[in-house]
Amino acid sequence: MNWDNNDDIDTLSYCRSNSVGKVAPDSEHSFEDDEVFAIGNRLEERYLLSSKLGRGGLGKVFLASDERLDREVAIKVLFHDRDIAEARKDLETEARLGASLQHPNIEAVYDFGFYRNQSFTVFEYVDGKTLRKVLEERKHIPLNKTRTIIGQLPHPPSAE
């Protein structure tokens, strides 16, 4: 990617983190030990997990194949240690909110669910570099490029 030319800047993708309720940190639950989310497994007899895309403080994101619709998707898995009924309600609310957002720089929400007490959200898969990866590679992005990136971010509706 050439950051010296505005035309080469890809649109940013955005994937909200679950900010509702209490989420267990990775130290309390090891994804590697969980057979449900192992590469090669099928989630809900539909999503074939093919690789791990990333890991954050709240969970992991996997690349998967949606075998029903024949497309690649990103699946974000979060672990939590709270009431399952409450977690299901919060997940559904957040998924519906996410699905209602339409912006070229926000990944589309396709599906959500709960599997063996673990919540997951299925997103549009966008191939490319994250802003974090670009910053790791470049260490510095010129001010005019930073303005361009920030200008692509969705703006919340005004509270009038």
Protein backbone atom coordinates (compact mmCIF):
# COMPACT_ATOMS: atom_id res chain seq x y z
CA MET A 1 0.00 0.00 0.00
CA ASN A 2 1.37 3.39 -0.97
CA TRP A 3 0.50 5.88 1.74
CA ASP A 4 1.88 8.75 -0.33
CA ASN A 5 -1.14 8.63 -2.66
CA ASN A 6 -4.70 9.25 -1.39
CA ASP A 7 -6.16 6.94 -4.05
CA ASP A 8 -4.38 3.93 -2.53
CA ILE A 9 -5.92 4.21 0.93
CA ASP A 10 -8.35 1.36 1.43
CA THR A 11 -11.55 1.97 3.32
CA LEU A 12 -11.26 1.11 6.96
CA SER A 13 -13.33 -1.67 8.43
CA TYR A 14 -14.88 -1.42 11.83
CA CYS A 15 -15.87 -4.22 14.15
CA ARG A 16 -17.43 -3.20 17.46
CA SER A 17 -16.35 -4.92 20.62
CA ASN A 18 -18.98 -6.15 23.01
CA SER A 19 -19.07 -3.44 25.65
CA VAL A 20 -22.12 -4.72 27.50
CA GLY A 21 -21.73 -6.89 30.59
CA LYS A 22 -18.66 -8.54 32.00
CA VAL A 23 -16.26 -10.25 29.61
CA ALA A 24 -13.75 -12.75 30.87
CA PRO A 25 -10.13 -11.91 29.94
CA ASP A 26 -8.12 -14.40 27.88
CA SER A 27 -6.22 -15.51 30.98
CA GLU A 28 -9.41 -17.05 32.39
CA HIS A 29 -10.31 -18.99 29.25
CA SER A 30 -7.92 -20.38 26.67
CA PHE A 31 -9.25 -20.45 23.12
CA GLU A 32 -6.63 -23.04 22.21
CA ASP A 33 -8.15 -25.45 24.73
CA ASP A 34 -11.65 -25.04 23.35
CA GLU A 35 -12.51 -27.79 20.90
CA VAL A 36 -15.59 -25.92 19.63
CA PHE A 37 -13.54 -23.17 18.00
CA ALA A 38 -10.73 -25.29 16.56
CA ILE A 39 -9.71 -24.78 12.93
CA GLY A 40 -11.58 -27.27 10.73
CA ASN A 41 -14.65 -27.42 12.98
CA ARG A 42 -18.14 -26.41 11.90
CA LEU A 43 -20.10 -23.97 13.98
CA GLU A 44 -23.84 -24.58 13.91
CA GLU A 45 -23.38 -26.96 10.97
CA ARG A 46 -22.90 -23.93 8.73
CA TYR A 47 -19.64 -22.08 9.37
CA LEU A 48 -16.42 -23.98 8.65
CA LEU A 49 -13.56 -22.38 10.61
CA SER A 50 -10.53 -22.09 8.36
CA SER A 51 -8.00 -19.85 10.14
CA LYS A 52 -7.49 -17.42 13.00
CA LEU A 53 -7.44 -13.80 11.83
CA GLY A 54 -6.68 -12.06 15.09
CA ARG A 55 -6.84 -11.96 18.83
CA GLY A 56 -7.80 -9.16 21.17
CA GLY A 57 -8.40 -8.64 24.83
CA LEU A 58 -12.00 -9.86 24.56
CA GLY A 59 -11.75 -12.75 22.13
CA LYS A 60 -10.64 -13.97 18.74
CA VAL A 61 -11.69 -13.48 15.16
CA PHE A 62 -11.73 -16.39 12.72
CA LEU A 63 -11.98 -16.64 8.96
CA ALA A 64 -14.74 -19.08 8.10
CA SER A 65 -16.68 -20.33 5.13
CA ASP A 66 -20.44 -19.87 5.23
CA GLU A 67 -21.34 -23.12 3.52
CA ARG A 68 -25.00 -22.22 3.18
CA LEU A 69 -24.34 -18.98 1.24
CA ASP A 70 -20.95 -19.97 -0.22
CA ARG A 71 -18.97 -16.97 1.00
CA GLU A 72 -16.13 -16.15 3.37
CA VAL A 73 -17.06 -14.51 6.66
CA ALA A 74 -15.33 -13.28 9.80
CA ILE A 75 -16.55 -14.75 13.09
CA LYS A 76 -15.84 -12.87 16.31
CA VAL A 77 -16.03 -15.10 19.40
CA LEU A 78 -16.32 -13.59 22.87
CA PHE A 79 -16.17 -15.42 26.18
CA HIS A 80 -17.97 -14.19 29.26
CA ASP A 81 -18.69 -15.24 32.79
CA ARG A 82 -22.19 -13.94 33.40
CA ASP A 83 -25.82 -15.02 33.26
CA ILE A 84 -26.49 -16.76 29.93
CA ALA A 85 -30.03 -15.34 29.53
CA GLU A 86 -28.71 -11.81 30.07
CA ALA A 87 -25.79 -12.41 27.69
CA ARG A 88 -28.15 -13.72 24.98
CA LYS A 89 -30.36 -10.65 25.30
CA ASP A 90 -27.37 -8.29 25.10
CA LEU A 91 -25.88 -10.16 22.13
CA GLU A 92 -29.16 -9.99 20.21
CA THR A 93 -29.55 -6.28 20.96
CA GLU A 94 -26.00 -5.50 19.83
CA ALA A 95 -26.27 -7.68 16.70
CA ARG A 96 -29.51 -5.98 15.68
CA LEU A 97 -27.95 -2.57 16.27
CA GLY A 98 -24.87 -3.53 14.27
CA ALA A 99 -26.99 -4.94 11.44
CA SER A 100 -28.94 -1.68 11.26
CA LEU A 101 -25.78 0.32 10.55
CA GLN A 102 -25.03 0.88 6.89
CA HIS A 103 -21.78 2.59 6.01
CA PRO A 104 -19.05 1.65 3.52
CA ASN A 105 -16.48 1.62 6.34
CA ILE A 106 -18.41 -0.65 8.70
CA GLU A 107 -18.44 -4.40 8.24
CA ALA A 108 -21.93 -5.80 7.73
CA VAL A 109 -23.33 -8.03 10.47
CA TYR A 110 -24.66 -11.26 8.92
CA ASP A 111 -25.56 -13.44 11.88
CA PHE A 112 -25.09 -13.99 15.59
CA GLY A 113 -25.54 -16.81 18.02
CA PHE A 114 -24.64 -18.62 21.17
CA TYR A 115 -22.91 -21.95 21.08
CA ARG A 116 -21.99 -23.85 24.25
CA ASN A 117 -22.28 -20.69 26.35
CA GLN A 118 -20.02 -18.70 24.04
CA SER A 119 -21.31 -15.80 21.98
CA PHE A 120 -20.32 -15.18 18.40
CA THR A 121 -21.11 -12.64 15.73
CA VAL A 122 -20.70 -13.26 12.00
CA PHE A 123 -19.45 -10.32 9.96
CA GLU A 124 -18.65 -9.49 6.39
CA TYR A 125 -15.05 -10.55 5.71
CA VAL A 126 -12.91 -7.70 4.38
CA ASP A 127 -9.49 -8.78 3.14
CA GLY A 128 -6.77 -6.25 3.85
CA LYS A 129 -4.58 -4.70 6.49
CA THR A 130 -5.82 -3.31 9.75
CA LEU A 131 -4.84 0.19 10.77
CA ARG A 132 -2.83 -1.39 13.60
CA LYS A 133 -0.81 -3.44 11.07
CA VAL A 134 -0.16 -0.37 8.90
CA LEU A 135 1.06 1.55 11.95
CA GLU A 136 3.34 -1.33 12.95
CA GLU A 137 4.86 -1.34 9.45
CA ARG A 138 5.04 2.42 8.91
CA LYS A 139 5.53 3.74 12.47
CA HIS A 140 4.28 7.10 11.19
CA ILE A 141 1.53 8.21 8.86
CA PRO A 142 1.74 11.75 7.47
CA LEU A 143 -0.83 14.23 8.79
CA ASN A 144 -2.69 14.54 5.45
CA LYS A 145 -3.10 10.74 5.31
CA THR A 146 -4.26 10.68 8.94
CA ARG A 147 -6.92 13.27 8.06
CA THR A 148 -8.05 11.10 5.14
CA ILE A 149 -8.34 8.02 7.37
CA ILE A 150 -10.21 9.87 10.10
CA GLY A 151 -12.51 11.40 7.47
CA GLN A 152 -13.56 7.87 6.46
CA LEU A 153 -14.77 7.00 9.95
CA PRO A 154 -18.54 6.98 10.44
CA HIS A 155 -19.91 9.90 12.40
CA PRO A 156 -22.55 9.31 15.09
CA PRO A 157 -25.90 10.98 14.50
CA SER A 158 -26.21 14.36 16.13
CA ALA A 159 -28.41 14.56 19.21
CA GLU A 160 -30.75 17.36 18.18
